[in-house]
């Protein structure tokens, strides 16, 4: 049996690898010449290997997928980001930087110096409680989100105040969690900005676990793949090919048509392929568009597409080649340059940026996350230079004034660079070259609808057994047997985890086994 996999995002490649390892014939079809989707790296400037999408890998290091697929044998190597987080000295007050180490005691010592002993004690308690809870969240991410699986994932978690109180803590907003634990606003803002990397503002219900995930960084911090984020995809492709899998790049799928007991897949080059099973790793709206071309019931597709919320867009990125790292007052490069540089001092900045995006406006003041991974891996930058990625939220895909993003891209990039310069004076003068990715650019280059790097909004009603909508949350499509879904549009959502791909592969293998052994269907 041949399984066709649409798209080469990391989840699609993970699914393909598990299937090929199990002996299935697999072909991956990718419209782009660059493999890996948003987990890919290209040469933007001479001598610089620059990520197209993600840069730091967090969740996949907690899933076991790297070990199960033996990706180290295929060239994948991670360097720990330690310290994993850094909040600079507050330019207004002069308060010392907050340094988040993998080691919890060292982190608490930094918090005590910057925010006071009371918050240091509170952070230790936060890390202990939410470290255990975040581990259970990762367990819930390990399969399709059925009610039974979710219950088993969290069963046995300490609930001394009762299940009702525990569920309330999970369903509260991230801001409420922070306010209940800490006093220092800069510490709250740092953790809120970390949590907001999932997409929603921490004022939304159900975002507490996104803040709580910071506690898991003291177990295993974010990792930087040597050679760039795309090294993960390259290792997956190498693994797939070693097991006989095929990858076809530069040939977009144009239609997905039900044909007897299987699927007819047509491509832009004129290929007409048949497979009993297809895994769609494309954006869910792209997959539904392919079904529409193939004659699937339009009334059903209209309903699904209307209910799936992509949202106004999340952010934009400025990629830089520089002559030096940011030099933050009161901190060495060893303390500041290895992880996520959280350029915030209060949550009001986050709230104003998000509110502006909802109205279709640019943020009054961009909120920036800086990453300078050439400090960890010099191979990604030209000799004597450094490389940074500046991610900023929230920037809307559609601007309220109706203007095109091309009229704003350079000015907004200047503001983002200026924000970093306000924390590390003189940084702007070190910039040698830059590459700007607006929300429109993210959509154009990587097929990220609406510029949303998470595919669809990561709001409470589009997570777990509701992602992207209840009918599609099981990674199957009702009325389309043999078609499976994977990618950020499905549980557990955006970010580099690979979990959705592994779940899709398990579904295919289970269904295939039942097809070969009919008696198993009765079990």
Protein backbone atom coordinates (compact mmCIF):
# COMPACT_ATOMS: atom_id res chain seq x y z
CA UNK A 1 0.00 0.00 0.00
CA UNK A 2 1.23 3.49 -0.86
CA UNK A 3 0.46 6.39 1.47
CA UNK A 4 0.63 9.87 0.01
CA UNK A 5 1.57 12.70 2.36
CA UNK A 6 0.65 16.22 1.28
CA UNK A 7 3.14 18.85 2.40
CA UNK A 8 6.57 18.53 3.99
CA UNK A 9 6.05 20.42 7.24
CA UNK A 10 7.73 18.71 10.15
CA UNK A 11 4.50 16.99 11.27
CA UNK A 12 3.97 15.58 7.77
CA UNK A 13 7.56 14.35 7.70
CA UNK A 14 7.22 12.78 11.14
CA UNK A 15 4.11 10.91 9.96
CA UNK A 16 5.91 9.76 6.82
CA UNK A 17 8.90 8.52 8.83
CA UNK A 18 6.79 6.43 11.20
CA UNK A 19 4.92 4.88 8.27
CA UNK A 20 8.07 4.11 6.30
CA UNK A 21 9.69 2.65 9.39
CA UNK A 22 6.66 0.33 9.67
CA UNK A 23 7.21 -0.88 6.11
CA UNK A 24 4.65 1.23 4.26
CA UNK A 25 5.45 2.78 0.90
CA UNK A 26 5.34 6.54 1.36
CA UNK A 27 5.63 9.51 -0.98
CA UNK A 28 5.66 13.11 0.25
CA UNK A 29 4.37 15.75 -2.17
CA UNK A 30 5.56 19.33 -1.57
CA UNK A 31 4.73 22.45 -3.61
CA UNK A 32 7.86 24.30 -2.47
CA UNK A 33 11.42 23.63 -3.57
CA UNK A 34 12.44 24.02 0.08
CA UNK A 35 11.43 21.12 2.29
CA UNK A 36 10.24 21.46 5.87
CA UNK A 37 7.62 24.20 5.64
CA UNK A 38 8.13 26.61 8.53
CA UNK A 39 10.85 24.36 9.97
CA UNK A 40 13.41 25.16 7.30
CA UNK A 41 16.59 27.15 6.86
CA UNK A 42 17.95 28.93 3.78
CA UNK A 43 20.85 31.25 2.92
CA UNK A 44 19.34 34.74 3.09
CA UNK A 45 22.66 36.59 3.27
CA UNK A 46 26.09 35.39 2.11
CA UNK A 47 27.41 32.96 4.69
CA UNK A 48 24.23 33.05 6.80
CA UNK A 49 21.86 30.12 7.25
CA UNK A 50 18.61 31.83 8.22
CA UNK A 51 15.42 30.20 9.48
CA UNK A 52 12.28 30.75 7.44
CA UNK A 53 9.95 30.11 10.38
CA UNK A 54 10.63 28.61 13.80
CA UNK A 55 14.01 29.00 15.49
CA UNK A 56 13.89 27.47 18.98
CA UNK A 57 12.57 23.92 19.38
CA UNK A 58 10.81 23.23 22.65
CA UNK A 59 8.02 20.67 22.60
CA UNK A 60 9.55 18.05 20.30
CA UNK A 61 12.33 17.56 22.83
CA UNK A 62 9.70 16.43 25.35
CA UNK A 63 7.87 13.96 23.08
CA UNK A 64 10.40 11.15 22.60
CA UNK A 65 10.06 11.43 18.81
CA UNK A 66 13.72 12.35 18.29
CA UNK A 67 14.78 9.21 20.13
CA UNK A 68 12.14 6.93 18.59
CA UNK A 69 13.16 7.91 15.06
CA UNK A 70 16.87 7.92 15.99
CA UNK A 71 17.32 11.30 14.35
CA UNK A 72 20.79 11.76 15.79
CA UNK A 73 21.90 9.00 13.39
CA UNK A 74 20.73 11.28 10.59
CA UNK A 75 22.68 14.34 11.66
CA UNK A 76 20.35 16.07 14.13
CA UNK A 77 22.11 17.62 17.09
CA UNK A 78 20.72 20.10 19.61
CA UNK A 79 22.47 22.62 21.81
CA UNK A 80 20.63 23.50 25.01
CA UNK A 81 19.54 27.11 25.32
CA UNK A 82 20.79 27.77 28.84
CA UNK A 83 19.96 30.34 30.10
CA UNK A 84 16.71 29.79 28.21
CA UNK A 85 15.20 33.19 28.94
CA UNK A 86 16.46 36.70 29.60
CA UNK A 87 14.65 39.92 30.47
CA UNK A 88 16.96 42.95 30.23
CA UNK A 89 17.56 45.64 32.78
CA UNK A 90 14.55 47.93 32.90
CA UNK A 91 15.66 51.17 31.16
CA UNK A 92 13.22 53.19 33.29
CA UNK A 93 14.01 51.84 36.76
CA UNK A 94 17.46 50.26 36.37
CA UNK A 95 16.21 47.01 37.93
CA UNK A 96 18.66 44.16 37.22
CA UNK A 97 18.00 41.66 34.43
CA UNK A 98 15.99 38.50 35.09
CA UNK A 99 17.86 35.40 33.95
CA UNK A 100 15.97 32.12 33.52
CA UNK A 101 18.44 29.26 33.81
CA UNK A 102 17.69 25.59 33.40
CA UNK A 103 18.78 25.28 37.01
CA UNK A 104 15.85 26.35 39.18
CA UNK A 105 17.98 27.55 42.10
CA UNK A 106 20.02 29.87 39.87
CA UNK A 107 16.80 31.21 38.35
CA UNK A 108 15.34 31.90 41.77
CA UNK A 109 18.54 33.68 42.79
CA UNK A 110 18.25 35.96 39.77
CA UNK A 111 14.58 36.65 40.52
CA UNK A 112 15.44 37.45 44.14
CA UNK A 113 17.99 40.03 43.01
CA UNK A 114 15.77 41.58 40.33
CA UNK A 115 12.30 41.26 41.86
CA UNK A 116 12.70 40.45 45.55
CA UNK A 117 12.84 37.37 47.76
CA UNK A 118 9.05 37.03 47.93
CA UNK A 119 8.76 36.45 44.18
CA UNK A 120 11.75 34.10 44.19
CA UNK A 121 9.96 31.85 46.69
CA UNK A 122 6.76 32.12 44.66
CA UNK A 123 8.58 31.16 41.46
CA UNK A 124 10.02 28.03 43.06
CA UNK A 125 6.50 26.98 44.05
CA UNK A 126 5.18 27.86 40.58
CA UNK A 127 7.87 25.76 38.90
CA UNK A 128 7.20 22.74 41.09
CA UNK A 129 3.43 22.82 40.63
CA UNK A 130 3.28 23.72 36.95
CA UNK A 131 6.26 21.53 36.01
CA UNK A 132 4.21 18.47 36.95
CA UNK A 133 1.11 19.86 35.28
CA UNK A 134 2.96 20.75 32.07
CA UNK A 135 4.35 17.22 31.88
CA UNK A 136 0.75 15.97 31.88
CA UNK A 137 -0.14 18.48 29.17
CA UNK A 138 2.67 17.00 27.05
CA UNK A 139 1.23 13.55 27.73
CA UNK A 140 -2.15 14.78 26.46
CA UNK A 141 -0.40 16.00 23.31
CA UNK A 142 0.79 12.45 22.59
CA UNK A 143 -2.33 11.23 20.79
CA UNK A 144 -5.65 12.22 19.31
CA UNK A 145 -7.65 14.25 21.85
CA UNK A 146 -10.46 11.89 22.76
CA UNK A 147 -12.17 12.54 26.11
CA UNK A 148 -10.86 9.24 27.46
CA UNK A 149 -7.29 9.97 26.46
CA UNK A 150 -7.40 13.45 27.95
CA UNK A 151 -8.81 12.06 31.20
CA UNK A 152 -6.08 9.40 31.38
CA UNK A 153 -3.40 12.02 30.67
CA UNK A 154 -4.34 14.10 33.70
CA UNK A 155 -5.54 11.29 35.98
CA UNK A 156 -3.61 11.12 39.25
CA UNK A 157 -2.45 14.74 39.11
CA UNK A 158 -2.37 16.31 42.55
CA UNK A 159 -5.84 17.73 43.19
CA UNK A 160 -5.84 18.17 46.95
CA UNK A 161 -8.46 20.93 46.65
CA UNK A 162 -10.66 18.81 44.42
CA UNK A 163 -11.08 18.34 40.69
CA UNK A 164 -13.20 21.44 40.36
CA UNK A 165 -10.46 23.67 41.74
CA UNK A 166 -7.82 21.98 39.58
CA UNK A 167 -9.85 22.37 36.39
CA UNK A 168 -10.44 26.02 37.23
CA UNK A 169 -6.68 26.59 37.48
CA UNK A 170 -6.17 25.08 34.05
CA UNK A 171 -9.01 27.11 32.53
CA UNK A 172 -8.05 30.45 34.05
CA UNK A 173 -6.23 33.10 32.07
CA UNK A 174 -2.47 33.31 32.13
CA UNK A 175 -2.73 36.77 33.64
CA UNK A 176 -4.86 35.41 36.49
CA UNK A 177 -2.26 32.72 37.17
CA UNK A 178 0.52 35.31 37.22
CA UNK A 179 -1.40 37.68 39.48
CA UNK A 180 -2.11 34.88 41.94
CA UNK A 181 1.59 33.98 42.24
CA UNK A 182 3.75 37.07 41.77
CA UNK A 183 4.04 40.74 42.70
CA UNK A 184 6.69 42.16 40.37
CA UNK A 185 5.15 43.36 37.10
CA UNK A 186 8.31 42.80 35.05
CA UNK A 187 8.41 39.14 36.09
CA UNK A 188 4.74 38.79 35.22
CA UNK A 189 5.33 40.45 31.85
CA UNK A 190 8.29 38.16 31.09
CA UNK A 191 6.28 35.01 31.72
CA UNK A 192 3.23 36.42 29.92
CA UNK A 193 5.36 37.15 26.85
CA UNK A 194 6.77 33.62 26.99
CA UNK A 195 3.23 32.22 27.15
CA UNK A 196 2.06 34.47 24.33
CA UNK A 197 4.47 32.73 21.95
CA UNK A 198 1.55 30.30 21.54
CA UNK A 199 -0.43 33.10 19.91
CA UNK A 200 -3.23 34.35 22.17
CA UNK A 201 -2.83 37.10 24.76
CA UNK A 202 -2.58 35.88 28.32
CA UNK A 203 -5.82 37.69 29.16
CA UNK A 204 -7.80 34.96 27.37
CA UNK A 205 -9.41 32.06 29.29
CA UNK A 206 -7.51 28.80 29.18
CA UNK A 207 -4.07 30.36 28.66
CA UNK A 208 -2.72 29.50 32.13
CA UNK A 209 -1.04 26.30 30.83
CA UNK A 210 0.79 28.39 28.22
CA UNK A 211 2.38 30.39 31.03
CA UNK A 212 2.82 27.25 33.12
CA UNK A 213 4.83 25.63 30.35
CA UNK A 214 7.77 27.82 31.41
CA UNK A 215 8.16 25.51 34.41
CA UNK A 216 9.01 22.62 32.09
CA UNK A 217 12.06 24.56 30.82
CA UNK A 218 13.78 23.66 34.09
CA UNK A 219 13.49 19.99 33.11
CA UNK A 220 14.66 20.40 29.51
CA UNK A 221 15.15 23.86 28.00
CA UNK A 222 14.56 24.93 24.41
CA UNK A 223 17.04 23.46 21.98
CA UNK A 224 18.79 25.01 19.02
CA UNK A 225 19.37 22.59 16.15
CA UNK A 226 22.92 22.89 14.86
CA UNK A 227 22.82 24.36 11.37
CA UNK A 228 19.44 25.98 11.86
CA UNK A 229 15.84 25.00 12.52
CA UNK A 230 15.74 23.20 9.17
CA UNK A 231 18.24 20.63 10.47
CA UNK A 232 15.27 18.85 12.05
CA UNK A 233 13.47 18.58 8.71
CA UNK A 234 16.69 17.53 6.97
CA UNK A 235 17.15 14.69 9.48
CA UNK A 236 13.53 13.60 8.99
CA UNK A 237 13.95 13.57 5.21
CA UNK A 238 17.16 11.55 5.54
CA UNK A 239 15.43 9.09 7.86
CA UNK A 240 12.49 8.76 5.48
CA UNK A 241 14.68 8.11 2.46
CA UNK A 242 16.73 5.55 4.36
CA UNK A 243 13.52 3.56 4.84
CA UNK A 244 12.60 3.79 1.17
CA UNK A 245 10.35 6.84 1.30
CA UNK A 246 10.18 9.29 -1.59
CA UNK A 247 10.01 13.09 -1.41
CA UNK A 248 8.85 15.07 -4.45
CA UNK A 249 9.44 18.82 -4.21
CA UNK A 250 8.27 21.68 -6.42
CA UNK A 251 4.99 20.08 -7.48
CA UNK A 252 1.87 21.42 -5.80
CA UNK A 253 -1.16 19.21 -5.23
CA UNK A 254 -4.13 20.71 -7.10
CA UNK A 255 -6.99 18.32 -6.34
CA UNK A 256 -7.98 15.59 -3.89
CA UNK A 257 -10.65 13.32 -5.38
CA UNK A 258 -12.41 10.32 -3.87
CA UNK A 259 -11.94 7.35 -6.22
CA UNK A 260 -13.48 4.02 -5.18
CA UNK A 261 -11.86 2.88 -1.96
CA UNK A 262 -9.04 5.37 -2.23
CA UNK A 263 -7.96 8.81 -3.38
CA UNK A 264 -6.87 10.35 -6.64
CA UNK A 265 -4.29 13.10 -6.13
CA UNK A 266 -3.49 15.46 -8.99
CA UNK A 267 -0.51 17.78 -9.10
CA UNK A 268 0.45 20.94 -10.98
CA UNK A 269 2.91 19.02 -13.17
CA UNK A 270 0.14 16.70 -14.38
CA UNK A 271 0.80 13.70 -12.17
CA UNK A 272 -2.29 11.63 -11.40
CA UNK A 273 -1.59 9.48 -8.35
CA UNK A 274 -3.72 6.93 -6.54
CA UNK A 275 -3.47 5.87 -2.91
CA UNK A 276 -5.74 4.09 -0.47
CA UNK A 277 -4.70 6.51 2.25
CA UNK A 278 -3.66 10.16 2.24
CA UNK A 279 -2.28 12.29 5.07
CA UNK A 280 -2.82 16.01 4.50
CA UNK A 281 -0.16 18.05 6.26
CA UNK A 282 -1.21 21.26 4.57
CA UNK A 283 -3.12 24.07 6.27
CA UNK A 284 -6.59 22.72 7.03
CA UNK A 285 -8.23 25.37 4.83
CA UNK A 286 -5.92 24.39 1.97
CA UNK A 287 -6.93 20.76 2.46
CA UNK A 288 -10.61 21.70 2.34
CA UNK A 289 -9.96 23.69 -0.84
CA UNK A 290 -8.40 20.59 -2.44
CA UNK A 291 -11.46 18.56 -1.48
CA UNK A 292 -13.70 21.24 -3.00
CA UNK A 293 -11.86 20.97 -6.32
CA UNK A 294 -12.29 17.21 -6.06
CA UNK A 295 -16.07 17.43 -5.77
CA UNK A 296 -16.61 17.03 -2.01
CA UNK A 297 -19.95 18.32 -0.71
CA UNK A 298 -19.65 22.12 -0.89
CA UNK A 299 -22.29 22.82 1.76
CA UNK A 300 -20.27 20.86 4.30
CA UNK A 301 -17.04 22.54 3.28
CA UNK A 302 -18.66 25.98 3.47
CA UNK A 303 -19.80 25.27 7.01
CA UNK A 304 -16.41 24.00 8.16
CA UNK A 305 -14.48 26.83 6.57
CA UNK A 306 -16.79 29.44 8.03
CA UNK A 307 -16.32 28.09 11.56
CA UNK A 308 -12.53 27.70 11.49
CA UNK A 309 -10.97 30.94 12.72
CA UNK A 310 -7.57 31.87 11.39
CA UNK A 311 -7.63 35.18 13.25
CA UNK A 312 -6.15 38.57 12.39
CA UNK A 313 -2.55 37.32 12.20
CA UNK A 314 0.03 36.99 14.94
CA UNK A 315 3.27 38.73 14.06
CA UNK A 316 6.21 39.43 11.81
CA UNK A 317 9.93 38.68 11.80
CA UNK A 318 13.07 40.66 11.05
CA UNK A 319 16.14 38.53 10.29
CA UNK A 320 19.48 40.28 10.75
CA UNK A 321 23.13 39.86 9.94
CA UNK A 322 25.11 41.92 12.45
CA UNK A 323 28.67 42.72 13.42
CA UNK A 324 28.02 42.01 17.09
CA UNK A 325 25.57 40.59 19.60
CA UNK A 326 23.24 42.89 21.56
CA UNK A 327 25.12 44.27 24.55
CA UNK A 328 22.66 44.57 27.41
CA UNK A 329 23.67 46.66 30.44
CA UNK A 330 24.39 44.57 33.49
CA UNK A 331 24.61 41.22 31.68
CA UNK A 332 27.23 39.26 29.79
CA UNK A 333 26.59 37.66 26.41
CA UNK A 334 26.76 34.26 28.12
CA UNK A 335 23.76 35.31 30.22
CA UNK A 336 21.74 37.08 27.53
CA UNK A 337 22.50 35.64 24.11
CA UNK A 338 21.73 31.92 24.36
CA UNK A 339 17.96 31.90 24.75
CA UNK A 340 14.77 33.88 24.34
CA UNK A 341 15.35 37.59 24.96
CA UNK A 342 12.05 38.84 26.37
CA UNK A 343 11.98 42.57 25.67
CA UNK A 344 9.11 43.61 27.93
CA UNK A 345 8.67 45.46 31.20
CA UNK A 346 4.91 45.40 31.74
CA UNK A 347 1.87 43.58 30.39
CA UNK A 348 0.22 46.79 29.30
CA UNK A 349 2.52 46.77 26.27
CA UNK A 350 1.27 43.30 25.34
CA UNK A 351 -2.36 44.26 25.79
CA UNK A 352 -2.10 47.41 23.72
CA UNK A 353 -0.38 45.56 20.89
CA UNK A 354 -3.01 42.83 20.82
CA UNK A 355 -5.87 45.30 21.01
CA UNK A 356 -4.45 47.26 18.10
CA UNK A 357 -4.15 44.09 16.00
CA UNK A 358 -7.79 43.21 16.62
CA UNK A 359 -8.69 46.63 15.21
CA UNK A 360 -6.39 46.11 12.21
CA UNK A 361 -3.80 48.60 13.45
CA UNK A 362 -0.07 48.31 13.97
CA UNK A 363 1.06 48.10 17.63
CA UNK A 364 1.67 51.41 19.39
CA UNK A 365 4.95 49.87 20.50
CA UNK A 366 6.08 46.52 19.07
CA UNK A 367 6.63 43.68 21.51
CA UNK A 368 9.84 41.90 20.56
CA UNK A 369 11.38 38.50 21.23
CA UNK A 370 15.03 38.49 20.17
CA UNK A 371 17.06 35.36 19.43
CA UNK A 372 20.78 35.41 18.69
CA UNK A 373 21.57 31.76 18.13
CA UNK A 374 24.87 32.40 16.37
CA UNK A 375 26.14 32.77 19.94
CA UNK A 376 25.46 29.05 20.36
CA UNK A 377 26.12 27.88 16.81
CA UNK A 378 28.63 30.03 14.89
CA UNK A 379 28.11 27.90 11.75
CA UNK A 380 24.90 29.78 10.87
CA UNK A 381 26.67 33.14 10.42
CA UNK A 382 29.47 34.42 8.22
CA UNK A 383 32.91 34.58 9.82
CA UNK A 384 33.17 37.49 12.24
CA UNK A 385 29.42 38.16 12.16
CA UNK A 386 26.33 37.25 14.13
CA UNK A 387 22.73 36.55 13.20
CA UNK A 388 19.51 37.49 14.98
CA UNK A 389 15.82 36.83 14.54
CA UNK A 390 13.46 39.45 15.97
CA UNK A 391 9.91 38.17 16.32
CA UNK A 392 7.26 40.79 17.07
CA UNK A 393 3.59 40.54 18.05
CA UNK A 394 0.91 41.43 17.31
CA UNK A 395 0.81 42.55 13.67
CA UNK A 396 -2.45 42.14 11.74
CA UNK A 397 -2.61 40.49 8.34
CA UNK A 398 -5.17 43.00 7.05
CA UNK A 399 -4.59 46.64 7.89
CA UNK A 400 -7.62 48.72 8.81
CA UNK A 401 -6.62 51.61 6.57
CA UNK A 402 -6.63 49.31 3.55
CA UNK A 403 -2.98 49.91 2.69
CA UNK A 404 -0.67 47.17 1.48
CA UNK A 405 1.91 45.73 3.86
CA UNK A 406 4.67 46.72 1.44
CA UNK A 407 4.08 50.35 2.46
CA UNK A 408 4.77 49.53 6.12
CA UNK A 409 7.34 46.71 6.14
CA UNK A 410 10.54 48.75 6.30
CA UNK A 411 9.24 51.28 8.80
CA UNK A 412 7.93 48.53 11.04
CA UNK A 413 11.27 46.71 10.82
CA UNK A 414 12.97 49.94 11.91
CA UNK A 415 10.67 50.12 14.93
CA UNK A 416 11.38 46.51 15.86
CA UNK A 417 15.14 47.03 15.64
CA UNK A 418 14.72 50.26 17.59
CA UNK A 419 12.92 48.39 20.35
CA UNK A 420 15.93 46.11 20.82
CA UNK A 421 18.23 49.12 20.64
CA UNK A 422 16.32 50.73 23.53
CA UNK A 423 17.37 47.82 25.75
CA UNK A 424 20.84 47.31 24.23
CA UNK A 425 22.03 50.80 23.22
CA UNK A 426 24.12 50.85 20.06
CA UNK A 427 22.69 47.63 18.66
CA UNK A 428 21.09 49.31 15.64
CA UNK A 429 24.54 50.42 14.46
CA UNK A 430 25.69 46.78 14.26
CA UNK A 431 23.08 45.77 11.66
CA UNK A 432 24.71 44.83 8.34
CA UNK A 433 21.80 43.27 6.43
CA UNK A 434 18.17 42.49 7.12
CA UNK A 435 15.33 40.43 5.72
CA UNK A 436 11.77 41.33 6.67
CA UNK A 437 8.89 38.83 6.83
CA UNK A 438 5.50 40.52 7.24
CA UNK A 439 2.34 38.47 7.80
CA UNK A 440 1.70 38.66 4.05
CA UNK A 441 5.22 37.38 3.35
CA UNK A 442 4.72 34.46 5.75
CA UNK A 443 1.59 33.47 3.85
CA UNK A 444 3.17 33.89 0.43
CA UNK A 445 6.34 31.94 1.17
CA UNK A 446 5.09 29.14 3.41
CA UNK A 447 1.35 28.92 2.82
CA UNK A 448 0.52 30.22 6.31
CA UNK A 449 -3.02 31.49 5.79
CA UNK A 450 -3.50 34.99 7.15
CA UNK A 451 0.14 35.01 8.25
CA UNK A 452 -0.78 32.87 11.26
CA UNK A 453 2.20 30.69 12.14
CA UNK A 454 -0.13 28.53 14.25
CA UNK A 455 -2.44 27.94 11.23
CA UNK A 456 -5.62 28.72 13.18
CA UNK A 457 -6.14 30.60 16.42
CA UNK A 458 -4.93 28.86 19.57
CA UNK A 459 -7.95 30.03 21.57
CA UNK A 460 -9.63 27.73 24.09
CA UNK A 461 -12.49 26.78 21.74
CA UNK A 462 -10.01 25.70 19.05
CA UNK A 463 -7.76 23.53 21.22
CA UNK A 464 -7.70 19.88 22.25
CA UNK A 465 -10.89 18.06 21.19
CA UNK A 466 -12.15 21.21 19.42
CA UNK A 467 -9.15 21.78 17.15
CA UNK A 468 -9.78 23.06 14.54
CA UNK A 469 -13.49 22.20 14.97
CA UNK A 470 -15.01 19.18 16.73
CA UNK A 471 -15.80 17.29 13.49
CA UNK A 472 -12.14 17.32 12.44
CA UNK A 473 -10.47 17.01 15.83
CA UNK A 474 -9.87 13.28 15.50
CA UNK A 475 -7.52 13.95 12.55
CA UNK A 476 -10.07 12.36 10.22
CA UNK A 477 -12.52 13.97 7.80
CA UNK A 478 -16.15 12.78 8.07
CA UNK A 479 -17.31 11.48 4.72
CA UNK A 480 -13.73 11.05 3.51
CA UNK A 481 -12.49 7.63 4.68
CA UNK A 482 -8.78 7.15 4.24
CA UNK A 483 -8.00 10.87 4.56
CA UNK A 484 -6.12 11.98 7.67
CA UNK A 485 -5.07 15.40 8.92
CA UNK A 486 -1.85 16.55 10.52
CA UNK A 487 0.01 19.79 11.13
CA UNK A 488 -0.52 22.89 13.25
CA UNK A 489 -4.20 22.99 12.26
CA UNK A 490 -4.74 19.88 14.39
CA UNK A 491 -4.16 18.92 18.03
CA UNK A 492 -1.94 19.96 19.78
CA UNK A 493 -1.62 23.04 17.56
CA UNK A 494 1.31 25.19 16.51
CA UNK A 495 4.90 24.99 17.61
CA UNK A 496 7.50 22.35 16.80
CA UNK A 497 6.27 19.16 18.44
CA UNK A 498 5.81 16.48 15.76
CA UNK A 499 3.05 15.04 17.96
CA UNK A 500 0.31 15.50 15.40
CA UNK A 501 2.36 13.66 12.78
CA UNK A 502 3.00 10.69 15.04
CA UNK A 503 -0.70 10.52 15.93
CA UNK A 504 -1.71 10.56 12.26
CA UNK A 505 0.73 7.76 11.46
CA UNK A 506 -0.66 5.66 14.31
CA UNK A 507 -4.19 6.13 12.98
CA UNK A 508 -3.13 5.02 9.49
CA UNK A 509 -1.30 1.97 10.81
CA UNK A 510 -4.22 0.99 13.05
CA UNK A 511 -6.70 1.30 10.19
CA UNK A 512 -4.40 -0.57 7.85
CA UNK A 513 -4.00 -3.40 10.32
CA UNK A 514 -7.76 -3.67 10.72
CA UNK A 515 -8.17 -3.73 6.96
CA UNK A 516 -5.70 -6.58 6.62
CA UNK A 517 -7.20 -8.50 9.53
CA UNK A 518 -10.99 -7.96 9.41
CA UNK A 519 -11.64 -9.75 12.69
CA UNK A 520 -9.88 -6.88 14.46
CA UNK A 521 -12.71 -4.56 13.42
CA UNK A 522 -14.97 -6.29 15.92
CA UNK A 523 -12.71 -5.46 18.84
